């Protein structure tokens, strides 16, 4: 029984983390710019478009997709817990 709880708990924690992180970056422009200027993962977009344009692209397209993916992961974990405890 305990082994079956590992994956749903990981999904719930990861989904919650991604949702909170992306919402914080969407609402706080300074936090997003600081992340874009220091992140090695964002370096390609920042070098191509600049920090301001990359922030606009991230806020308009990338962060909402990240929130959606985080919610899907969270819901998968919650549904798995529901299935485990209802059986």
PDB file of N, CA and C in Angstrom:
ATOM      1  N   UNK A   1       0.822  -1.198   0.000  1.00  0.00           N
ATOM      2  CA  UNK A   1       0.000   0.000   0.000  1.00  0.00           C
ATOM      3  C   UNK A   1       0.865   1.260   0.000  1.00  0.00           C
ATOM      4  N   UNK A   2       1.913   1.265   0.819  1.00  0.00           N
ATOM      5  CA  UNK A   2       2.755   2.455   0.890  1.00  0.00           C
ATOM      6  C   UNK A   2       3.494   2.718  -0.410  1.00  0.00           C
ATOM      7  N   UNK A   3       3.863   1.648  -1.117  1.00  0.00           N
ATOM      8  CA  UNK A   3       4.571   1.820  -2.386  1.00  0.00           C
ATOM      9  C   UNK A   3       3.680   2.476  -3.425  1.00  0.00           C
ATOM     10  N   UNK A   4       2.392   2.211  -3.348  1.00  0.00           N
ATOM     11  CA  UNK A   4       1.452   2.782  -4.310  1.00  0.00           C
ATOM     12  C   UNK A   4       1.261   4.282  -4.099  1.00  0.00           C
ATOM     13  N   UNK A   5       1.622   4.781  -2.937  1.00  0.00           N
ATOM     14  CA  UNK A   5       1.440   6.204  -2.641  1.00  0.00           C
ATOM     15  C   UNK A   5       2.602   7.067  -3.116  1.00  0.00           C
ATOM     16  N   UNK A   6       3.716   6.459  -3.470  1.00  0.00           N
ATOM     17  CA  UNK A   6       4.914   7.231  -3.811  1.00  0.00           C
ATOM     18  C   UNK A   6       4.692   8.090  -5.046  1.00  0.00           C
ATOM     19  N   UNK A   7       4.238   7.495  -6.133  1.00  0.00           N
ATOM     20  CA  UNK A   7       4.060   8.244  -7.380  1.00  0.00           C
ATOM     21  C   UNK A   7       2.993   9.336  -7.266  1.00  0.00           C
ATOM     22  N   UNK A   8       1.814   9.072  -6.678  1.00  0.00           N
ATOM     23  CA  UNK A   8       0.845  10.161  -6.535  1.00  0.00           C
ATOM     24  C   UNK A   8       1.351  11.323  -5.682  1.00  0.00           C
ATOM     25  N   UNK A   9       2.070  11.015  -4.626  1.00  0.00           N
ATOM     26  CA  UNK A   9       2.603  12.087  -3.775  1.00  0.00           C
ATOM     27  C   UNK A   9       3.646  12.902  -4.531  1.00  0.00           C
ATOM     28  N   UNK A  10       4.499  12.234  -5.305  1.00  0.00           N
ATOM     29  CA  UNK A  10       5.485  12.951  -6.118  1.00  0.00           C
ATOM     30  C   UNK A  10       4.786  13.831  -7.142  1.00  0.00           C
ATOM     31  N   UNK A  11       3.736  13.304  -7.774  1.00  0.00           N
ATOM     32  CA  UNK A  11       2.988  14.098  -8.760  1.00  0.00           C
ATOM     33  C   UNK A  11       2.335  15.315  -8.107  1.00  0.00           C
ATOM     34  N   UNK A  12       1.765  15.134  -6.937  1.00  0.00           N
ATOM     35  CA  UNK A  12       1.121  16.254  -6.247  1.00  0.00           C
ATOM     36  C   UNK A  12       2.146  17.308  -5.866  1.00  0.00           C
ATOM     37  N   UNK A  13       3.279  16.892  -5.323  1.00  0.00           N
ATOM     38  CA  UNK A  13       4.314  17.854  -4.934  1.00  0.00           C
ATOM     39  C   UNK A  13       4.894  18.578  -6.145  1.00  0.00           C
ATOM     40  N   UNK A  14       5.203  17.838  -7.202  1.00  0.00           N
ATOM     41  CA  UNK A  14       5.782  18.458  -8.397  1.00  0.00           C
ATOM     42  C   UNK A  14       4.782  19.391  -9.065  1.00  0.00           C
ATOM     43  N   UNK A  15       3.536  18.957  -9.201  1.00  0.00           N
ATOM     44  CA  UNK A  15       2.518  19.806  -9.810  1.00  0.00           C
ATOM     45  C   UNK A  15       2.293  21.078  -9.021  1.00  0.00           C
ATOM     46  N   UNK A  16       2.236  20.961  -7.701  1.00  0.00           N
ATOM     47  CA  UNK A  16       2.066  22.146  -6.855  1.00  0.00           C
ATOM     48  C   UNK A  16       3.243  23.096  -7.001  1.00  0.00           C
ATOM     49  N   UNK A  17       4.446  22.542  -7.022  1.00  0.00           N
ATOM     50  CA  UNK A  17       5.637  23.373  -7.176  1.00  0.00           C
ATOM     51  C   UNK A  17       5.602  24.145  -8.490  1.00  0.00           C
ATOM     52  N   UNK A  18       5.302  23.449  -9.598  1.00  0.00           N
ATOM     53  CA  UNK A  18       5.292  24.102 -10.904  1.00  0.00           C
ATOM     54  C   UNK A  18       4.207  25.170 -10.991  1.00  0.00           C
ATOM     55  N   UNK A  19       3.035  24.894 -10.445  1.00  0.00           N
ATOM     56  CA  UNK A  19       1.951  25.879 -10.496  1.00  0.00           C
ATOM     57  C   UNK A  19       2.327  27.122  -9.704  1.00  0.00           C
ATOM     58  N   UNK A  20       2.802  26.940  -8.481  1.00  0.00           N
ATOM     59  CA  UNK A  20       3.153  28.088  -7.636  1.00  0.00           C
ATOM     60  C   UNK A  20       4.297  28.880  -8.256  1.00  0.00           C
ATOM     61  N   UNK A  21       5.319  28.198  -8.733  1.00  0.00           N
ATOM     62  CA  UNK A  21       6.472  28.874  -9.330  1.00  0.00           C
ATOM     63  C   UNK A  21       6.073  29.684 -10.563  1.00  0.00           C
ATOM     64  N   UNK A  22       5.278  29.094 -11.433  1.00  0.00           N
ATOM     65  CA  UNK A  22       4.884  29.796 -12.648  1.00  0.00           C
ATOM     66  C   UNK A  22       3.935  30.951 -12.361  1.00  0.00           C
ATOM     67  N   UNK A  23       3.030  30.787 -11.410  1.00  0.00           N
ATOM     68  CA  UNK A  23       2.132  31.889 -11.053  1.00  0.00           C
ATOM     69  C   UNK A  23       2.925  33.032 -10.431  1.00  0.00           C
ATOM     70  N   UNK A  24       3.908  32.716  -9.595  1.00  0.00           N
ATOM     71  CA  UNK A  24       4.748  33.772  -9.022  1.00  0.00           C
ATOM     72  C   UNK A  24       5.514  34.524 -10.106  1.00  0.00           C
ATOM     73  N   UNK A  25       6.032  33.810 -11.095  1.00  0.00           N
ATOM     74  CA  UNK A  25       6.738  34.480 -12.183  1.00  0.00           C
ATOM     75  C   UNK A  25       5.782  35.290 -13.057  1.00  0.00           C
ATOM     76  N   UNK A  26       4.542  34.841 -13.203  1.00  0.00           N
ATOM     77  CA  UNK A  26       3.573  35.588 -14.003  1.00  0.00           C
ATOM     78  C   UNK A  26       3.165  36.885 -13.323  1.00  0.00           C
ATOM     79  N   UNK A  27       3.045  36.859 -12.008  1.00  0.00           N
ATOM     80  CA  UNK A  27       2.555  38.031 -11.292  1.00  0.00           C
ATOM     81  C   UNK A  27       3.660  39.001 -10.893  1.00  0.00           C
ATOM     82  N   UNK A  28       4.888  38.538 -10.790  1.00  0.00           N
ATOM     83  CA  UNK A  28       5.984  39.390 -10.343  1.00  0.00           C
ATOM     84  C   UNK A  28       6.998  39.530 -11.480  1.00  0.00           C
ATOM     85  N   UNK A  29       6.961  40.673 -12.156  1.00  0.00           N
ATOM     86  CA  UNK A  29       7.843  40.903 -13.293  1.00  0.00           C
ATOM     87  C   UNK A  29       9.312  40.957 -12.918  1.00  0.00           C
ATOM     88  N   UNK A  30       9.622  41.501 -11.745  1.00  0.00           N
ATOM     89  CA  UNK A  30      11.021  41.587 -11.316  1.00  0.00           C
ATOM     90  C   UNK A  30      11.600  40.196 -11.085  1.00  0.00           C
ATOM     91  N   UNK A  31      10.806  39.313 -10.514  1.00  0.00           N
ATOM     92  CA  UNK A  31      11.258  37.937 -10.280  1.00  0.00           C
ATOM     93  C   UNK A  31      11.505  37.222 -11.609  1.00  0.00           C
ATOM     94  N   UNK A  32      10.617  37.456 -12.581  1.00  0.00           N
ATOM     95  CA  UNK A  32      10.774  36.834 -13.897  1.00  0.00           C
ATOM     96  C   UNK A  32      12.025  37.356 -14.598  1.00  0.00           C
ATOM     97  N   UNK A  33      12.253  38.663 -14.560  1.00  0.00           N
ATOM     98  CA  UNK A  33      13.451  39.229 -15.198  1.00  0.00           C
ATOM     99  C   UNK A  33      14.730  38.737 -14.534  1.00  0.00           C
ATOM    100  N   UNK A  34      14.710  38.625 -13.205  1.00  0.00           N
ATOM    101  CA  UNK A  34      15.881  38.114 -12.491  1.00  0.00           C
ATOM    102  C   UNK A  34      16.151  36.661 -12.886  1.00  0.00           C
ATOM    103  N   UNK A  35      15.095  35.870 -12.997  1.00  0.00           N
ATOM    104  CA  UNK A  35      15.265  34.477 -13.424  1.00  0.00           C
ATOM    105  C   UNK A  35      15.815  34.414 -14.845  1.00  0.00           C
ATOM    106  N   UNK A  36      15.276  35.238 -15.741  1.00  0.00           N
ATOM    107  CA  UNK A  36      15.725  35.212 -17.132  1.00  0.00           C
ATOM    108  C   UNK A  36      17.171  35.667 -17.273  1.00  0.00           C
ATOM    109  N   UNK A  37      17.587  36.603 -16.447  1.00  0.00           N
ATOM    110  CA  UNK A  37      18.955  37.108 -16.572  1.00  0.00           C
ATOM    111  C   UNK A  37      19.990  36.178 -15.938  1.00  0.00           C
ATOM    112  N   UNK A  38      19.562  35.284 -15.042  1.00  0.00           N
ATOM    113  CA  UNK A  38      20.524  34.409 -14.370  1.00  0.00           C
ATOM    114  C   UNK A  38      20.428  32.947 -14.796  1.00  0.00           C
ATOM    115  N   UNK A  39      19.379  32.560 -15.479  1.00  0.00           N
ATOM    116  CA  UNK A  39      19.175  31.150 -15.806  1.00  0.00           C
ATOM    117  C   UNK A  39      19.945  30.734 -17.052  1.00  0.00           C
ATOM    118  N   UNK A  40      20.716  29.661 -16.959  1.00  0.00           N
ATOM    119  CA  UNK A  40      21.385  29.150 -18.161  1.00  0.00           C
ATOM    120  C   UNK A  40      20.388  28.588 -19.183  1.00  0.00           C
ATOM    121  N   UNK A  41      19.224  28.113 -18.704  1.00  0.00           N
ATOM    122  CA  UNK A  41      18.219  27.562 -19.615  1.00  0.00           C
ATOM    123  C   UNK A  41      17.578  28.651 -20.465  1.00  0.00           C
ATOM    124  N   UNK A  42      17.509  29.862 -19.956  1.00  0.00           N
ATOM    125  CA  UNK A  42      16.875  30.959 -20.690  1.00  0.00           C
ATOM    126  C   UNK A  42      17.873  31.741 -21.538  1.00  0.00           C
ATOM    127  N   UNK A  43      19.128  31.392 -21.472  1.00  0.00           N
ATOM    128  CA  UNK A  43      20.176  32.154 -22.154  1.00  0.00           C
ATOM    129  C   UNK A  43      19.959  32.243 -23.667  1.00  0.00           C
ATOM    130  N   UNK A  44      19.503  31.165 -24.287  1.00  0.00           N
ATOM    131  CA  UNK A  44      19.294  31.158 -25.736  1.00  0.00           C
ATOM    132  C   UNK A  44      18.244  32.194 -26.144  1.00  0.00           C
ATOM    133  N   UNK A  45      17.106  32.208 -25.453  1.00  0.00           N
ATOM    134  CA  UNK A  45      16.067  33.185 -25.780  1.00  0.00           C
ATOM    135  C   UNK A  45      16.490  34.604 -25.438  1.00  0.00           C
ATOM    136  N   UNK A  46      17.189  34.774 -24.322  1.00  0.00           N
ATOM    137  CA  UNK A  46      17.634  36.113 -23.928  1.00  0.00           C
ATOM    138  C   UNK A  46      18.650  36.644 -24.925  1.00  0.00           C
ATOM    139  N   UNK A  47      19.554  35.795 -25.396  1.00  0.00           N
ATOM    140  CA  UNK A  47      20.533  36.243 -26.390  1.00  0.00           C
ATOM    141  C   UNK A  47      19.871  36.586 -27.713  1.00  0.00           C
ATOM    142  N   UNK A  48      18.803  35.885 -28.044  1.00  0.00           N
ATOM    143  CA  UNK A  48      18.137  36.116 -29.325  1.00  0.00           C
ATOM    144  C   UNK A  48      17.199  37.323 -29.280  1.00  0.00           C
ATOM    145  N   UNK A  49      16.405  37.465 -28.203  1.00  0.00           N
ATOM    146  CA  UNK A  49      15.375  38.498 -28.153  1.00  0.00           C
ATOM    147  C   UNK A  49      15.630  39.604 -27.134  1.00  0.00           C
ATOM    148  N   UNK A  50      16.486  39.387 -26.162  1.00  0.00           N
ATOM    149  CA  UNK A  50      16.671  40.350 -25.088  1.00  0.00           C
ATOM    150  C   UNK A  50      15.779  39.993 -23.907  1.00  0.00           C
ATOM    151  N   UNK A  51      16.089  40.577 -22.767  1.00  0.00           N
ATOM    152  CA  UNK A  51      15.381  40.224 -21.537  1.00  0.00           C
ATOM    153  C   UNK A  51      13.922  40.663 -21.588  1.00  0.00           C
ATOM    154  N   UNK A  52      13.652  41.884 -22.043  1.00  0.00           N
ATOM    155  CA  UNK A  52      12.279  42.395 -22.037  1.00  0.00           C
ATOM    156  C   UNK A  52      11.376  41.617 -22.986  1.00  0.00           C
ATOM    157  N   UNK A  53      11.853  41.357 -24.191  1.00  0.00           N
ATOM    158  CA  UNK A  53      11.044  40.608 -25.160  1.00  0.00           C
ATOM    159  C   UNK A  53      10.850  39.162 -24.701  1.00  0.00           C
ATOM    160  N   UNK A  54      11.885  38.571 -24.118  1.00  0.00           N
ATOM    161  CA  UNK A  54      11.760  37.213 -23.592  1.00  0.00           C
ATOM    162  C   UNK A  54      10.773  37.173 -22.431  1.00  0.00           C
ATOM    163  N   UNK A  55      10.783  38.209 -21.593  1.00  0.00           N
ATOM    164  CA  UNK A  55       9.815  38.273 -20.492  1.00  0.00           C
ATOM    165  C   UNK A  55       8.393  38.365 -21.031  1.00  0.00           C
ATOM    166  N   UNK A  56       8.197  39.150 -22.088  1.00  0.00           N
ATOM    167  CA  UNK A  56       6.862  39.267 -22.680  1.00  0.00           C
ATOM    168  C   UNK A  56       6.413  37.941 -23.290  1.00  0.00           C
ATOM    169  N   UNK A  57       7.312  37.267 -24.000  1.00  0.00           N
ATOM    170  CA  UNK A  57       6.986  35.963 -24.591  1.00  0.00           C
ATOM    171  C   UNK A  57       6.676  34.952 -23.486  1.00  0.00           C
ATOM    172  N   UNK A  58       7.483  34.963 -22.445  1.00  0.00           N
ATOM    173  CA  UNK A  58       7.274  34.024 -21.338  1.00  0.00           C
ATOM    174  C   UNK A  58       5.941  34.274 -20.654  1.00  0.00           C
ATOM    175  N   UNK A  59       5.638  35.531 -20.396  1.00  0.00           N
ATOM    176  CA  UNK A  59       4.402  35.858 -19.701  1.00  0.00           C
ATOM    177  C   UNK A  59       3.177  35.536 -20.559  1.00  0.00           C
ATOM    178  N   UNK A  60       3.297  35.717 -21.871  1.00  0.00           N
ATOM    179  CA  UNK A  60       2.143  35.521 -22.749  1.00  0.00           C
ATOM    180  C   UNK A  60       1.925  34.057 -23.114  1.00  0.00           C
ATOM    181  N   UNK A  61       2.990  33.297 -23.354  1.00  0.00           N
ATOM    182  CA  UNK A  61       2.849  31.932 -23.864  1.00  0.00           C
ATOM    183  C   UNK A  61       3.385  30.857 -22.928  1.00  0.00           C
ATOM    184  N   UNK A  62       4.635  30.984 -22.512  1.00  0.00           N
ATOM    185  CA  UNK A  62       5.319  29.883 -21.840  1.00  0.00           C
ATOM    186  C   UNK A  62       4.813  29.630 -20.421  1.00  0.00           C
ATOM    187  N   UNK A  63       4.617  30.685 -19.640  1.00  0.00           N
ATOM    188  CA  UNK A  63       4.174  30.490 -18.263  1.00  0.00           C
ATOM    189  C   UNK A  63       2.750  29.941 -18.170  1.00  0.00           C
ATOM    190  N   UNK A  64       1.793  30.414 -18.988  1.00  0.00           N
ATOM    191  CA  UNK A  64       0.467  29.770 -18.936  1.00  0.00           C
ATOM    192  C   UNK A  64       0.499  28.288 -19.313  1.00  0.00           C
ATOM    193  N   UNK A  65       1.348  27.923 -20.273  1.00  0.00           N
ATOM    194  CA  UNK A  65       1.487  26.503 -20.616  1.00  0.00           C
ATOM    195  C   UNK A  65       2.070  25.745 -19.423  1.00  0.00           C
ATOM    196  N   UNK A  66       3.035  26.347 -18.732  1.00  0.00           N
ATOM    197  CA  UNK A  66       3.616  25.719 -17.548  1.00  0.00           C
ATOM    198  C   UNK A  66       2.608  25.546 -16.429  1.00  0.00           C
ATOM    199  N   UNK A  67       1.723  26.525 -16.247  1.00  0.00           N
ATOM    200  CA  UNK A  67       0.674  26.393 -15.233  1.00  0.00           C
ATOM    201  C   UNK A  67      -0.269  25.256 -15.609  1.00  0.00           C
ATOM    202  N   UNK A  68      -0.625  25.183 -16.875  1.00  0.00           N
ATOM    203  CA  UNK A  68      -1.518  24.118 -17.333  1.00  0.00           C
ATOM    204  C   UNK A  68      -0.888  22.735 -17.130  1.00  0.00           C
ATOM    205  N   UNK A  69       0.372  22.592 -17.484  1.00  0.00           N
ATOM    206  CA  UNK A  69       1.064  21.309 -17.293  1.00  0.00           C
ATOM    207  C   UNK A  69       1.155  20.970 -15.803  1.00  0.00           C
ATOM    208  N   UNK A  70       1.461  21.962 -14.972  1.00  0.00           N
ATOM    209  CA  UNK A  70       1.515  21.727 -13.533  1.00  0.00           C
ATOM    210  C   UNK A  70       0.169  21.293 -12.969  1.00  0.00           C
ATOM    211  N   UNK A  71      -0.914  21.912 -13.450  1.00  0.00           N
ATOM    212  CA  UNK A  71      -2.245  21.511 -13.000  1.00  0.00           C
ATOM    213  C   UNK A  71      -2.584  20.089 -13.439  1.00  0.00           C
ATOM    214  N   UNK A  72      -2.179  19.731 -14.649  1.00  0.00           N
ATOM    215  CA  UNK A  72      -2.434  18.364 -15.122  1.00  0.00           C
ATOM    216  C   UNK A  72      -1.686  17.352 -14.259  1.00  0.00           C
ATOM    217  N   UNK A  73      -0.418  17.640 -13.950  1.00  0.00           N
ATOM    218  CA  UNK A  73       0.360  16.733 -13.088  1.00  0.00           C
ATOM    219  C   UNK A  73      -0.280  16.634 -11.708  1.00  0.00           C
ATOM    220  N   UNK A  74      -0.721  17.767 -11.170  1.00  0.00           N
ATOM    221  CA  UNK A  74      -1.376  17.790  -9.865  1.00  0.00           C
ATOM    222  C   UNK A  74      -2.663  16.972  -9.885  1.00  0.00           C
ATOM    223  N   UNK A  75      -3.464  17.140 -10.920  1.00  0.00           N
ATOM    224  CA  UNK A  75      -4.722  16.397 -11.012  1.00  0.00           C
ATOM    225  C   UNK A  75      -4.496  14.900 -11.205  1.00  0.00           C
ATOM    226  N   UNK A  76      -3.461  14.528 -11.939  1.00  0.00           N
ATOM    227  CA  UNK A  76      -3.136  13.100 -12.090  1.00  0.00           C
ATOM    228  C   UNK A  76      -2.793  12.501 -10.729  1.00  0.00           C
ATOM    229  N   UNK A  77      -2.006  13.211  -9.939  1.00  0.00           N
ATOM    230  CA  UNK A  77      -1.663  12.721  -8.606  1.00  0.00           C
ATOM    231  C   UNK A  77      -2.868  12.630  -7.692  1.00  0.00           C
ATOM    232  N   UNK A  78      -3.747  13.637  -7.739  1.00  0.00           N
ATOM    233  CA  UNK A  78      -4.946  13.609  -6.901  1.00  0.00           C
ATOM    234  C   UNK A  78      -5.893  12.488  -7.318  1.00  0.00           C
ATOM    235  N   UNK A  79      -6.036  12.285  -8.619  1.00  0.00           N
ATOM    236  CA  UNK A  79      -6.903  11.205  -9.095  1.00  0.00           C
ATOM    237  C   UNK A  79      -6.338   9.843  -8.687  1.00  0.00           C
ATOM    238  N   UNK A  80      -5.032   9.690  -8.764  1.00  0.00           N
ATOM    239  CA  UNK A  80      -4.422   8.423  -8.358  1.00  0.00           C
ATOM    240  C   UNK A  80      -4.656   8.160  -6.871  1.00  0.00           C
ATOM    241  N   UNK A  81      -4.548   9.201  -6.050  1.00  0.00           N
ATOM    242  CA  UNK A  81      -4.836   9.024  -4.624  1.00  0.00           C
ATOM    243  C   UNK A  81      -6.295   8.643  -4.407  1.00  0.00           C
ATOM    244  N   UNK A  82      -7.183   9.281  -5.147  1.00  0.00           N
ATOM    245  CA  UNK A  82      -8.605   8.958  -5.034  1.00  0.00           C
ATOM    246  C   UNK A  82      -8.869   7.502  -5.397  1.00  0.00           C
ATOM    247  N   UNK A  83      -8.248   7.035  -6.470  1.00  0.00           N
ATOM    248  CA  UNK A  83      -8.431   5.643  -6.898  1.00  0.00           C
ATOM    249  C   UNK A  83      -7.862   4.682  -5.860  1.00  0.00           C
ATOM    250  N   UNK A  84      -6.704   5.012  -5.304  1.00  0.00           N
ATOM    251  CA  UNK A  84      -6.077   4.129  -4.311  1.00  0.00           C
ATOM    252  C   UNK A  84      -6.940   4.020  -3.056  1.00  0.00           C
ATOM    253  N   UNK A  85      -7.446   5.163  -2.573  1.00  0.00           N
ATOM    254  CA  UNK A  85      -8.184   5.140  -1.314  1.00  0.00           C
ATOM    255  C   UNK A  85      -9.643   4.740  -1.473  1.00  0.00           C
ATOM    256  N   UNK A  86     -10.175   4.785  -2.679  1.00  0.00           N
ATOM    257  CA  UNK A  86     -11.563   4.358  -2.862  1.00  0.00           C
ATOM    258  C   UNK A  86     -11.670   2.862  -3.140  1.00  0.00           C
ATOM    259  N   UNK A  87     -10.548   2.223  -3.431  1.00  0.00           N
ATOM    260  CA  UNK A  87     -10.595   0.778  -3.733  1.00  0.00           C
ATOM    261  C   UNK A  87     -10.556  -0.056  -2.474  1.00  0.00           C
TER     262      UNK A  87
END
